[in-house]
Amino acid sequence: MTGAKTRREARIRRHARVRKKISGDAVRPRLAVYRSNRHIYAQLIDDRKAATIAQASDNEVKAEGKTARAKAVGELIAQRAKDAGIERVVFDRGGRLYHGRVAALAEGAREGGLQI
């Protein structure tokens, strides 16, 4: 029997499947989202250089509720992207569903001026 034994393994397999298709560069970096049960993190990554251009996490924002913090992180990463001269990104949802906090982060980044 093949298939993932745990939810974590299934997410990692989904993320690998997504990563086969998307990659970031200096002009259009990858906006990678990592979500744990308690926190959410975002990075802008240039895969050709294997370098992080900017990062943001919910430890840096003040908002009530996890979804509101995720949206604030999206706005913060958008501001840092603009400071780095980046306007367009490729969204990497990290093997998670585009739903809830992941979608809120993307919405916040769009409202902050990023084109996804």
PDB file of N, CA and C in Angstrom:
ATOM      1  N   MET A   1       0.837  -1.180   0.000  1.00  0.00           N
ATOM      2  CA  MET A   1       0.000   0.000   0.000  1.00  0.00           C
ATOM      3  C   MET A   1       0.879   1.238   0.000  1.00  0.00           C
ATOM      4  N   THR A   2       0.649   2.112  -0.954  1.00  0.00           N
ATOM      5  CA  THR A   2       1.390   3.361  -0.991  1.00  0.00           C
ATOM      6  C   THR A   2       0.520   4.467  -0.430  1.00  0.00           C
ATOM      7  N   GLY A   3       1.126   5.601  -0.213  1.00  0.00           N
ATOM      8  CA  GLY A   3       0.373   6.732   0.325  1.00  0.00           C
ATOM      9  C   GLY A   3       0.993   7.202   1.615  1.00  0.00           C
ATOM     10  N   ALA A   4       0.615   8.379   2.007  1.00  0.00           N
ATOM     11  CA  ALA A   4       1.171   8.987   3.205  1.00  0.00           C
ATOM     12  C   ALA A   4       0.619   8.308   4.457  1.00  0.00           C
ATOM     13  N   LYS A   5       1.490   8.131   5.421  1.00  0.00           N
ATOM     14  CA  LYS A   5       1.074   7.513   6.673  1.00  0.00           C
ATOM     15  C   LYS A   5       0.518   8.549   7.644  1.00  0.00           C
ATOM     16  N   THR A   6       1.010   9.771   7.556  1.00  0.00           N
ATOM     17  CA  THR A   6       0.550  10.806   8.470  1.00  0.00           C
ATOM     18  C   THR A   6       0.099  12.035   7.687  1.00  0.00           C
ATOM     19  N   ARG A   7      -0.608  12.916   8.379  1.00  0.00           N
ATOM     20  CA  ARG A   7      -1.038  14.167   7.750  1.00  0.00           C
ATOM     21  C   ARG A   7       0.168  15.002   7.344  1.00  0.00           C
ATOM     22  N   ARG A   8       1.209  14.994   8.179  1.00  0.00           N
ATOM     23  CA  ARG A   8       2.429  15.761   7.879  1.00  0.00           C
ATOM     24  C   ARG A   8       3.084  15.248   6.607  1.00  0.00           C
ATOM     25  N   GLU A   9       3.199  13.936   6.482  1.00  0.00           N
ATOM     26  CA  GLU A   9       3.797  13.359   5.271  1.00  0.00           C
ATOM     27  C   GLU A   9       2.970  13.698   4.039  1.00  0.00           C
ATOM     28  N   ALA A  10       1.650  13.694   4.180  1.00  0.00           N
ATOM     29  CA  ALA A  10       0.774  14.037   3.055  1.00  0.00           C
ATOM     30  C   ALA A  10       0.994  15.485   2.642  1.00  0.00           C
ATOM     31  N   ARG A  11       1.122  16.400   3.616  1.00  0.00           N
ATOM     32  CA  ARG A  11       1.365  17.806   3.305  1.00  0.00           C
ATOM     33  C   ARG A  11       2.707  17.975   2.613  1.00  0.00           C
ATOM     34  N   ILE A  12       3.721  17.274   3.071  1.00  0.00           N
ATOM     35  CA  ILE A  12       5.045  17.369   2.458  1.00  0.00           C
ATOM     36  C   ILE A  12       5.007  16.854   1.027  1.00  0.00           C
ATOM     37  N   ARG A  13       4.258  15.788   0.786  1.00  0.00           N
ATOM     38  CA  ARG A  13       4.131  15.273  -0.584  1.00  0.00           C
ATOM     39  C   ARG A  13       3.404  16.266  -1.483  1.00  0.00           C
ATOM     40  N   ARG A  14       2.337  16.884  -0.964  1.00  0.00           N
ATOM     41  CA  ARG A  14       1.631  17.907  -1.742  1.00  0.00           C
ATOM     42  C   ARG A  14       2.542  19.083  -2.039  1.00  0.00           C
ATOM     43  N   HIS A  15       3.335  19.488  -1.048  1.00  0.00           N
ATOM     44  CA  HIS A  15       4.241  20.620  -1.248  1.00  0.00           C
ATOM     45  C   HIS A  15       5.288  20.283  -2.312  1.00  0.00           C
ATOM     46  N   ALA A  16       5.803  19.076  -2.300  1.00  0.00           N
ATOM     47  CA  ALA A  16       6.780  18.661  -3.315  1.00  0.00           C
ATOM     48  C   ALA A  16       6.161  18.690  -4.705  1.00  0.00           C
ATOM     49  N   ARG A  17       4.907  18.300  -4.789  1.00  0.00           N
ATOM     50  CA  ARG A  17       4.206  18.309  -6.076  1.00  0.00           C
ATOM     51  C   ARG A  17       4.036  19.743  -6.590  1.00  0.00           C
ATOM     52  N   VAL A  18       3.722  20.669  -5.684  1.00  0.00           N
ATOM     53  CA  VAL A  18       3.578  22.072  -6.068  1.00  0.00           C
ATOM     54  C   VAL A  18       4.939  22.654  -6.458  1.00  0.00           C
ATOM     55  N   ARG A  19       5.972  22.316  -5.702  1.00  0.00           N
ATOM     56  CA  ARG A  19       7.305  22.881  -5.932  1.00  0.00           C
ATOM     57  C   ARG A  19       7.917  22.421  -7.248  1.00  0.00           C
ATOM     58  N   LYS A  20       7.441  21.300  -7.797  1.00  0.00           N
ATOM     59  CA  LYS A  20       7.922  20.876  -9.113  1.00  0.00           C
ATOM     60  C   LYS A  20       7.542  21.894 -10.167  1.00  0.00           C
ATOM     61  N   LYS A  21       6.425  22.585  -9.955  1.00  0.00           N
ATOM     62  CA  LYS A  21       5.881  23.478 -10.969  1.00  0.00           C
ATOM     63  C   LYS A  21       6.252  24.935 -10.762  1.00  0.00           C
ATOM     64  N   ILE A  22       6.510  25.359  -9.532  1.00  0.00           N
ATOM     65  CA  ILE A  22       6.790  26.774  -9.305  1.00  0.00           C
ATOM     66  C   ILE A  22       8.193  26.981  -8.755  1.00  0.00           C
ATOM     67  N   SER A  23       8.756  28.135  -9.119  1.00  0.00           N
ATOM     68  CA  SER A  23      10.081  28.498  -8.644  1.00  0.00           C
ATOM     69  C   SER A  23      10.188  30.008  -8.725  1.00  0.00           C
ATOM     70  N   GLY A  24      10.939  30.598  -7.828  1.00  0.00           N
ATOM     71  CA  GLY A  24      11.068  32.043  -7.791  1.00  0.00           C
ATOM     72  C   GLY A  24      12.406  32.494  -8.336  1.00  0.00           C
ATOM     73  N   ASP A  25      12.443  33.719  -8.853  1.00  0.00           N
ATOM     74  CA  ASP A  25      13.704  34.306  -9.289  1.00  0.00           C
ATOM     75  C   ASP A  25      13.766  35.735  -8.756  1.00  0.00           C
ATOM     76  N   ALA A  26      14.768  36.499  -9.183  1.00  0.00           N
ATOM     77  CA  ALA A  26      14.955  37.844  -8.642  1.00  0.00           C
ATOM     78  C   ALA A  26      13.805  38.768  -9.021  1.00  0.00           C
ATOM     79  N   VAL A  27      13.260  38.602 -10.227  1.00  0.00           N
ATOM     80  CA  VAL A  27      12.175  39.471 -10.686  1.00  0.00           C
ATOM     81  C   VAL A  27      10.855  39.086 -10.042  1.00  0.00           C
ATOM     82  N   ARG A  28      10.584  37.777  -9.974  1.00  0.00           N
ATOM     83  CA  ARG A  28       9.325  37.283  -9.410  1.00  0.00           C
ATOM     84  C   ARG A  28       9.628  36.176  -8.397  1.00  0.00           C
ATOM     85  N   PRO A  29       9.985  36.565  -7.151  1.00  0.00           N
ATOM     86  CA  PRO A  29      10.348  35.551  -6.152  1.00  0.00           C
ATOM     87  C   PRO A  29       9.143  34.743  -5.676  1.00  0.00           C
ATOM     88  N   ARG A  30       9.454  33.669  -4.990  1.00  0.00           N
ATOM     89  CA  ARG A  30       8.415  32.795  -4.442  1.00  0.00           C
ATOM     90  C   ARG A  30       8.023  33.296  -3.056  1.00  0.00           C
ATOM     91  N   LEU A  31       6.734  33.521  -2.859  1.00  0.00           N
ATOM     92  CA  LEU A  31       6.208  33.883  -1.543  1.00  0.00           C
ATOM     93  C   LEU A  31       5.831  32.578  -0.847  1.00  0.00           C
ATOM     94  N   ALA A  32       6.728  32.087  -0.007  1.00  0.00           N
ATOM     95  CA  ALA A  32       6.531  30.806   0.668  1.00  0.00           C
ATOM     96  C   ALA A  32       5.858  31.044   2.018  1.00  0.00           C
ATOM     97  N   VAL A  33       4.806  30.294   2.281  1.00  0.00           N
ATOM     98  CA  VAL A  33       4.055  30.423   3.523  1.00  0.00           C
ATOM     99  C   VAL A  33       4.246  29.155   4.337  1.00  0.00           C
ATOM    100  N   TYR A  34       4.586  29.325   5.621  1.00  0.00           N
ATOM    101  CA  TYR A  34       4.627  28.197   6.541  1.00  0.00           C
ATOM    102  C   TYR A  34       3.642  28.490   7.663  1.00  0.00           C
ATOM    103  N   ARG A  35       2.754  27.550   7.916  1.00  0.00           N
ATOM    104  CA  ARG A  35       1.740  27.716   8.952  1.00  0.00           C
ATOM    105  C   ARG A  35       1.872  26.595   9.959  1.00  0.00           C
ATOM    106  N   SER A  36       2.066  26.974  11.214  1.00  0.00           N
ATOM    107  CA  SER A  36       1.999  25.992  12.284  1.00  0.00           C
ATOM    108  C   SER A  36       0.648  26.149  12.962  1.00  0.00           C
ATOM    109  N   ASN A  37       0.397  25.401  14.000  1.00  0.00           N
ATOM    110  CA  ASN A  37      -0.889  25.527  14.687  1.00  0.00           C
ATOM    111  C   ASN A  37      -1.045  26.894  15.337  1.00  0.00           C
ATOM    112  N   ARG A  38       0.065  27.483  15.762  1.00  0.00           N
ATOM    113  CA  ARG A  38       0.011  28.728  16.514  1.00  0.00           C
ATOM    114  C   ARG A  38       0.463  29.950  15.715  1.00  0.00           C
ATOM    115  N   HIS A  39       1.413  29.786  14.799  1.00  0.00           N
ATOM    116  CA  HIS A  39       2.025  30.921  14.107  1.00  0.00           C
ATOM    117  C   HIS A  39       1.941  30.774  12.589  1.00  0.00           C
ATOM    118  N   ILE A  40       2.280  31.873  11.903  1.00  0.00           N
ATOM    119  CA  ILE A  40       2.365  31.853  10.443  1.00  0.00           C
ATOM    120  C   ILE A  40       3.563  32.697  10.031  1.00  0.00           C
ATOM    121  N   TYR A  41       4.281  32.229   9.029  1.00  0.00           N
ATOM    122  CA  TYR A  41       5.505  32.868   8.562  1.00  0.00           C
ATOM    123  C   TYR A  41       5.450  32.995   7.049  1.00  0.00           C
ATOM    124  N   ALA A  42       6.089  34.036   6.510  1.00  0.00           N
ATOM    125  CA  ALA A  42       6.151  34.226   5.066  1.00  0.00           C
ATOM    126  C   ALA A  42       7.566  34.647   4.691  1.00  0.00           C
ATOM    127  N   GLN A  43       8.055  34.129   3.562  1.00  0.00           N
ATOM    128  CA  GLN A  43       9.377  34.486   3.050  1.00  0.00           C
ATOM    129  C   GLN A  43       9.274  34.754   1.564  1.00  0.00           C
ATOM    130  N   LEU A  44      10.066  35.704   1.089  1.00  0.00           N
ATOM    131  CA  LEU A  44      10.255  35.906  -0.343  1.00  0.00           C
ATOM    132  C   LEU A  44      11.583  35.265  -0.689  1.00  0.00           C
ATOM    133  N   ILE A  45      11.564  34.285  -1.595  1.00  0.00           N
ATOM    134  CA  ILE A  45      12.749  33.475  -1.877  1.00  0.00           C
ATOM    135  C   ILE A  45      13.105  33.545  -3.347  1.00  0.00           C
ATOM    136  N   ASP A  46      14.385  33.831  -3.618  1.00  0.00           N
ATOM    137  CA  ASP A  46      14.950  33.739  -4.961  1.00  0.00           C
ATOM    138  C   ASP A  46      15.577  32.350  -5.058  1.00  0.00           C
ATOM    139  N   ASP A  47      14.902  31.423  -5.754  1.00  0.00           N
ATOM    140  CA  ASP A  47      15.371  30.040  -5.814  1.00  0.00           C
ATOM    141  C   ASP A  47      16.641  29.883  -6.642  1.00  0.00           C
ATOM    142  N   ARG A  48      16.874  30.774  -7.587  1.00  0.00           N
ATOM    143  CA  ARG A  48      18.094  30.659  -8.399  1.00  0.00           C
ATOM    144  C   ARG A  48      19.329  30.936  -7.575  1.00  0.00           C
ATOM    145  N   LYS A  49      19.245  31.874  -6.644  1.00  0.00           N
ATOM    146  CA  LYS A  49      20.366  32.194  -5.758  1.00  0.00           C
ATOM    147  C   LYS A  49      20.278  31.443  -4.437  1.00  0.00           C
ATOM    148  N   ALA A  50      19.142  30.784  -4.202  1.00  0.00           N
ATOM    149  CA  ALA A  50      18.875  30.122  -2.921  1.00  0.00           C
ATOM    150  C   ALA A  50      19.005  31.123  -1.782  1.00  0.00           C
ATOM    151  N   ALA A  51      18.357  32.289  -1.956  1.00  0.00           N
ATOM    152  CA  ALA A  51      18.472  33.358  -0.974  1.00  0.00           C
ATOM    153  C   ALA A  51      17.095  33.884  -0.589  1.00  0.00           C
ATOM    154  N   THR A  52      16.963  34.231   0.682  1.00  0.00           N
ATOM    155  CA  THR A  52      15.748  34.857   1.172  1.00  0.00           C
ATOM    156  C   THR A  52      15.880  36.359   1.003  1.00  0.00           C
ATOM    157  N   ILE A  53      14.922  36.971   0.329  1.00  0.00           N
ATOM    158  CA  ILE A  53      14.947  38.406   0.062  1.00  0.00           C
ATOM    159  C   ILE A  53      14.314  39.168   1.224  1.00  0.00           C
ATOM    160  N   ALA A  54      13.203  38.676   1.729  1.00  0.00           N
ATOM    161  CA  ALA A  54      12.511  39.312   2.852  1.00  0.00           C
ATOM    162  C   ALA A  54      11.720  38.252   3.593  1.00  0.00           C
ATOM    163  N   GLN A  55      11.396  38.555   4.848  1.00  0.00           N
ATOM    164  CA  GLN A  55      10.602  37.623   5.637  1.00  0.00           C
ATOM    165  C   GLN A  55       9.698  38.400   6.580  1.00  0.00           C
ATOM    166  N   ALA A  56       8.648  37.759   7.042  1.00  0.00           N
ATOM    167  CA  ALA A  56       7.743  38.346   8.029  1.00  0.00           C
ATOM    168  C   ALA A  56       7.087  37.211   8.802  1.00  0.00           C
ATOM    169  N   SER A  57       6.743  37.491  10.051  1.00  0.00           N
ATOM    170  CA  SER A  57       6.041  36.489  10.848  1.00  0.00           C
ATOM    171  C   SER A  57       5.022  37.181  11.731  1.00  0.00           C
ATOM    172  N   ASP A  58       4.139  36.397  12.324  1.00  0.00           N
ATOM    173  CA  ASP A  58       3.109  36.994  13.160  1.00  0.00           C
ATOM    174  C   ASP A  58       3.649  37.424  14.516  1.00  0.00           C
ATOM    175  N   ASN A  59       4.916  37.134  14.804  1.00  0.00           N
ATOM    176  CA  ASN A  59       5.539  37.641  16.021  1.00  0.00           C
ATOM    177  C   ASN A  59       5.760  39.148  15.937  1.00  0.00           C
ATOM    178  N   GLU A  60       5.730  39.686  14.717  1.00  0.00           N
ATOM    179  CA  GLU A  60       6.027  41.102  14.496  1.00  0.00           C
ATOM    180  C   GLU A  60       4.783  41.966  14.385  1.00  0.00           C
ATOM    181  N   VAL A  61       3.602  41.379  14.409  1.00  0.00           N
ATOM    182  CA  VAL A  61       2.368  42.151  14.217  1.00  0.00           C
ATOM    183  C   VAL A  61       1.466  41.991  15.428  1.00  0.00           C
ATOM    184  N   LYS A  62       0.602  42.975  15.593  1.00  0.00           N
ATOM    185  CA  LYS A  62      -0.378  42.935  16.682  1.00  0.00           C
ATOM    186  C   LYS A  62      -1.772  42.862  16.076  1.00  0.00           C
ATOM    187  N   ALA A  63      -2.472  41.803  16.342  1.00  0.00           N
ATOM    188  CA  ALA A  63      -3.850  41.656  15.885  1.00  0.00           C
ATOM    189  C   ALA A  63      -4.504  40.566  16.729  1.00  0.00           C
ATOM    190  N   GLU A  64      -5.801  40.652  16.877  1.00  0.00           N
ATOM    191  CA  GLU A  64      -6.551  39.652  17.639  1.00  0.00           C
ATOM    192  C   GLU A  64      -6.982  38.529  16.712  1.00  0.00           C
ATOM    193  N   GLY A  65      -6.637  37.343  17.046  1.00  0.00           N
ATOM    194  CA  GLY A  65      -7.053  36.178  16.263  1.00  0.00           C
ATOM    195  C   GLY A  65      -6.012  35.790  15.229  1.00  0.00           C
ATOM    196  N   LYS A  66      -5.930  34.505  14.956  1.00  0.00           N
ATOM    197  CA  LYS A  66      -4.904  33.994  14.048  1.00  0.00           C
ATOM    198  C   LYS A  66      -5.116  34.431  12.608  1.00  0.00           C
ATOM    199  N   THR A  67      -6.361  34.500  12.153  1.00  0.00           N
ATOM    200  CA  THR A  67      -6.627  34.907  10.771  1.00  0.00           C
ATOM    201  C   THR A  67      -6.285  36.377  10.572  1.00  0.00           C
ATOM    202  N   ALA A  68      -6.601  37.211  11.537  1.00  0.00           N
ATOM    203  CA  ALA A  68      -6.260  38.634  11.452  1.00  0.00           C
ATOM    204  C   ALA A  68      -4.751  38.826  11.459  1.00  0.00           C
ATOM    205  N   ARG A  69      -4.037  38.034  12.264  1.00  0.00           N
ATOM    206  CA  ARG A  69      -2.564  38.116  12.277  1.00  0.00           C
ATOM    207  C   ARG A  69      -1.999  37.676  10.939  1.00  0.00           C
ATOM    208  N   ALA A  70      -2.588  36.661  10.327  1.00  0.00           N
ATOM    209  CA  ALA A  70      -2.112  36.187   9.025  1.00  0.00           C
ATOM    210  C   ALA A  70      -2.268  37.276   7.967  1.00  0.00           C
ATOM    211  N   LYS A  71      -3.395  37.974   7.993  1.00  0.00           N
ATOM    212  CA  LYS A  71      -3.613  39.055   7.035  1.00  0.00           C
ATOM    213  C   LYS A  71      -2.601  40.173   7.259  1.00  0.00           C
ATOM    214  N   ALA A  72      -2.314  40.491   8.520  1.00  0.00           N
ATOM    215  CA  ALA A  72      -1.328  41.523   8.848  1.00  0.00           C
ATOM    216  C   ALA A  72       0.069  41.113   8.383  1.00  0.00           C
ATOM    217  N   VAL A  73       0.388  39.825   8.478  1.00  0.00           N
ATOM    218  CA  VAL A  73       1.679  39.329   7.985  1.00  0.00           C
ATOM    219  C   VAL A  73       1.758  39.511   6.476  1.00  0.00           C
ATOM    220  N   GLY A  74       0.653  39.263   5.766  1.00  0.00           N
ATOM    221  CA  GLY A  74       0.617  39.478   4.322  1.00  0.00           C
ATOM    222  C   GLY A  74       0.881  40.929   3.968  1.00  0.00           C
ATOM    223  N   GLU A  75       0.274  41.845   4.714  1.00  0.00           N
ATOM    224  CA  GLU A  75       0.507  43.270   4.459  1.00  0.00           C
ATOM    225  C   GLU A  75       1.946  43.652   4.765  1.00  0.00           C
ATOM    226  N   LEU A  76       2.518  43.074   5.831  1.00  0.00           N
ATOM    227  CA  LEU A  76       3.907  43.364   6.204  1.00  0.00           C
ATOM    228  C   LEU A  76       4.883  42.841   5.153  1.00  0.00           C
ATOM    229  N   ILE A  77       4.669  41.625   4.651  1.00  0.00           N
ATOM    230  CA  ILE A  77       5.581  41.076   3.635  1.00  0.00           C
ATOM    231  C   ILE A  77       5.448  41.872   2.340  1.00  0.00           C
ATOM    232  N   ALA A  78       4.260  42.376   2.048  1.00  0.00           N
ATOM    233  CA  ALA A  78       4.081  43.209   0.853  1.00  0.00           C
ATOM    234  C   ALA A  78       4.875  44.510   0.984  1.00  0.00           C
ATOM    235  N   GLN A  79       4.843  45.101   2.173  1.00  0.00           N
ATOM    236  CA  GLN A  79       5.602  46.336   2.402  1.00  0.00           C
ATOM    237  C   GLN A  79       7.103  46.079   2.258  1.00  0.00           C
ATOM    238  N   ARG A  80       7.582  44.969   2.822  1.00  0.00           N
ATOM    239  CA  ARG A  80       9.009  44.645   2.726  1.00  0.00           C
ATOM    240  C   ARG A  80       9.411  44.295   1.302  1.00  0.00           C
ATOM    241  N   ALA A  81       8.488  43.707   0.541  1.00  0.00           N
ATOM    242  CA  ALA A  81       8.758  43.414  -0.867  1.00  0.00           C
ATOM    243  C   ALA A  81       8.903  44.716  -1.648  1.00  0.00           C
ATOM    244  N   LYS A  82       8.012  45.661  -1.385  1.00  0.00           N
ATOM    245  CA  LYS A  82       8.099  46.953  -2.069  1.00  0.00           C
ATOM    246  C   LYS A  82       9.408  47.653  -1.733  1.00  0.00           C
ATOM    247  N   ASP A  83       9.839  47.562  -0.470  1.00  0.00           N
ATOM    248  CA  ASP A  83      11.113  48.160  -0.069  1.00  0.00           C
ATOM    249  C   ASP A  83      12.284  47.519  -0.813  1.00  0.00           C
ATOM    250  N   ALA A  84      12.134  46.236  -1.170  1.00  0.00           N
ATOM    251  CA  ALA A  84      13.174  45.519  -1.907  1.00  0.00           C
ATOM    252  C   ALA A  84      13.012  45.669  -3.413  1.00  0.00           C
ATOM    253  N   GLY A  85      11.982  46.414  -3.857  1.00  0.00           N
ATOM    254  CA  GLY A  85      11.768  46.651  -5.283  1.00  0.00           C
ATOM    255  C   GLY A  85      11.043  45.528  -5.999  1.00  0.00           C
ATOM    256  N   ILE A  86      10.229  44.773  -5.267  1.00  0.00           N
ATOM    257  CA  ILE A  86       9.508  43.635  -5.850  1.00  0.00           C
ATOM    258  C   ILE A  86       8.028  43.956  -5.886  1.00  0.00           C
ATOM    259  N   GLU A  87       7.401  43.708  -7.043  1.00  0.00           N
ATOM    260  CA  GLU A  87       5.975  43.961  -7.188  1.00  0.00           C
ATOM    261  C   GLU A  87       5.170  42.702  -7.464  1.00  0.00           C
ATOM    262  N   ARG A  88       5.816  41.678  -8.076  1.00  0.00           N
ATOM    263  CA  ARG A  88       5.109  40.442  -8.443  1.00  0.00           C
ATOM    264  C   ARG A  88       5.779  39.255  -7.771  1.00  0.00           C
ATOM    265  N   VAL A  89       4.968  38.295  -7.323  1.00  0.00           N
ATOM    266  CA  VAL A  89       5.487  37.098  -6.677  1.00  0.00           C
ATOM    267  C   VAL A  89       4.730  35.867  -7.172  1.00  0.00           C
ATOM    268  N   VAL A  90       5.304  34.711  -6.914  1.00  0.00           N
ATOM    269  CA  VAL A  90       4.656  33.420  -7.146  1.00  0.00           C
ATOM    270  C   VAL A  90       4.264  32.895  -5.770  1.00  0.00           C
ATOM    271  N   PHE A  91       3.023  32.518  -5.588  1.00  0.00           N
ATOM    272  CA  PHE A  91       2.536  32.106  -4.268  1.00  0.00           C
ATOM    273  C   PHE A  91       2.770  30.620  -4.057  1.00  0.00           C
ATOM    274  N   ASP A  92       3.444  30.285  -2.949  1.00  0.00           N
ATOM    275  CA  ASP A  92       3.698  28.893  -2.555  1.00  0.00           C
ATOM    276  C   ASP A  92       2.963  28.652  -1.245  1.00  0.00           C
ATOM    277  N   ARG A  93       1.881  27.880  -1.319  1.00  0.00           N
ATOM    278  CA  ARG A  93       1.032  27.676  -0.147  1.00  0.00           C
ATOM    279  C   ARG A  93       1.566  26.601   0.789  1.00  0.00           C
ATOM    280  N   GLY A  94       2.697  26.012   0.476  1.00  0.00           N
ATOM    281  CA  GLY A  94       3.342  25.072   1.387  1.00  0.00           C
ATOM    282  C   GLY A  94       2.615  23.755   1.555  1.00  0.00           C
ATOM    283  N   GLY A  95       1.864  23.326   0.551  1.00  0.00           N
ATOM    284  CA  GLY A  95       1.148  22.059   0.651  1.00  0.00           C
ATOM    285  C   GLY A  95      -0.161  22.169   1.412  1.00  0.00           C
ATOM    286  N   ARG A  96      -0.489  23.348   1.887  1.00  0.00           N
ATOM    287  CA  ARG A  96      -1.749  23.568   2.597  1.00  0.00           C
ATOM    288  C   ARG A  96      -2.844  23.948   1.604  1.00  0.00           C
ATOM    289  N   LEU A  97      -4.089  23.827   2.029  1.00  0.00           N
ATOM    290  CA  LEU A  97      -5.198  24.299   1.223  1.00  0.00           C
ATOM    291  C   LEU A  97      -5.173  25.817   1.169  1.00  0.00           C
ATOM    292  N   TYR A  98      -5.582  26.375   0.034  1.00  0.00           N
ATOM    293  CA  TYR A  98      -5.719  27.829  -0.079  1.00  0.00           C
ATOM    294  C   TYR A  98      -7.028  28.194   0.598  1.00  0.00           C
ATOM    295  N   HIS A  99      -6.960  28.327   1.914  1.00  0.00           N
ATOM    296  CA  HIS A  99      -8.156  28.464   2.728  1.00  0.00           C
ATOM    297  C   HIS A  99      -7.723  29.032   4.070  1.00  0.00           C
ATOM    298  N   GLY A 100      -8.586  29.734   4.737  1.00  0.00           N
ATOM    299  CA  GLY A 100      -8.317  30.185   6.096  1.00  0.00           C
ATOM    300  C   GLY A 100      -7.146  31.138   6.188  1.00  0.00           C
ATOM    301  N   ARG A 101      -6.178  30.796   7.054  1.00  0.00           N
ATOM    302  CA  ARG A 101      -5.048  31.683   7.313  1.00  0.00           C
ATOM    303  C   ARG A 101      -4.134  31.846   6.109  1.00  0.00           C
ATOM    304  N   VAL A 102      -3.966  30.789   5.311  1.00  0.00           N
ATOM    305  CA  VAL A 102      -3.126  30.884   4.110  1.00  0.00           C
ATOM    306  C   VAL A 102      -3.753  31.855   3.118  1.00  0.00           C
ATOM    307  N   ALA A 103      -5.047  31.752   2.910  1.00  0.00           N
ATOM    308  CA  ALA A 103      -5.742  32.658   2.005  1.00  0.00           C
ATOM    309  C   ALA A 103      -5.749  34.081   2.560  1.00  0.00           C
ATOM    310  N   ALA A 104      -5.861  34.236   3.891  1.00  0.00           N
ATOM    311  CA  ALA A 104      -5.855  35.561   4.508  1.00  0.00           C
ATOM    312  C   ALA A 104      -4.506  36.239   4.303  1.00  0.00           C
ATOM    313  N   LEU A 105      -3.416  35.479   4.412  1.00  0.00           N
ATOM    314  CA  LEU A 105      -2.092  36.037   4.174  1.00  0.00           C
ATOM    315  C   LEU A 105      -1.978  36.518   2.724  1.00  0.00           C
ATOM    316  N   ALA A 106      -2.447  35.723   1.781  1.00  0.00           N
ATOM    317  CA  ALA A 106      -2.391  36.114   0.370  1.00  0.00           C
ATOM    318  C   ALA A 106      -3.240  37.354   0.121  1.00  0.00           C
ATOM    319  N   GLU A 107      -4.410  37.419   0.741  1.00  0.00           N
ATOM    320  CA  GLU A 107      -5.282  38.580   0.586  1.00  0.00           C
ATOM    321  C   GLU A 107      -4.618  39.839   1.150  1.00  0.00           C
ATOM    322  N   GLY A 108      -3.962  39.700   2.303  1.00  0.00           N
ATOM    323  CA  GLY A 108      -3.246  40.833   2.890  1.00  0.00           C
ATOM    324  C   GLY A 108      -2.099  41.294   2.002  1.00  0.00           C
ATOM    325  N   ALA A 109      -1.390  40.345   1.379  1.00  0.00           N
ATOM    326  CA  ALA A 109      -0.297  40.702   0.481  1.00  0.00           C
ATOM    327  C   ALA A 109      -0.825  41.439  -0.756  1.00  0.00           C
ATOM    328  N   ARG A 110      -1.977  40.993  -1.262  1.00  0.00           N
ATOM    329  CA  ARG A 110      -2.588  41.684  -2.416  1.00  0.00           C
ATOM    330  C   ARG A 110      -3.012  43.100  -2.035  1.00  0.00           C
ATOM    331  N   GLU A 111      -3.611  43.232  -0.853  1.00  0.00           N
ATOM    332  CA  GLU A 111      -4.033  44.552  -0.391  1.00  0.00           C
ATOM    333  C   GLU A 111      -2.826  45.460  -0.155  1.00  0.00           C
ATOM    334  N   GLY A 112      -1.681  44.859   0.191  1.00  0.00           N
ATOM    335  CA  GLY A 112      -0.451  45.621   0.388  1.00  0.00           C
ATOM    336  C   GLY A 112       0.206  46.026  -0.928  1.00  0.00           C
ATOM    337  N   GLY A 113      -0.314  45.516  -2.053  1.00  0.00           N
ATOM    338  CA  GLY A 113       0.206  45.944  -3.362  1.00  0.00           C
ATOM    339  C   GLY A 113       0.959  44.891  -4.142  1.00  0.00           C
ATOM    340  N   LEU A 114       1.072  43.667  -3.623  1.00  0.00           N
ATOM    341  CA  LEU A 114       1.759  42.611  -4.378  1.00  0.00           C
ATOM    342  C   LEU A 114       0.822  42.001  -5.412  1.00  0.00           C
ATOM    343  N   GLN A 115       1.379  41.651  -6.571  1.00  0.00           N
ATOM    344  CA  GLN A 115       0.627  40.916  -7.577  1.00  0.00           C
ATOM    345  C   GLN A 115       0.985  39.448  -7.442  1.00  0.00           C
ATOM    346  N   ILE A 116      -0.021  38.631  -7.174  1.00  0.00           N
ATOM    347  CA  ILE A 116       0.220  37.190  -7.013  1.00  0.00           C
ATOM    348  C   ILE A 116      -0.322  36.491  -8.239  1.00  0.00           C
TER     349      ILE A 116
END
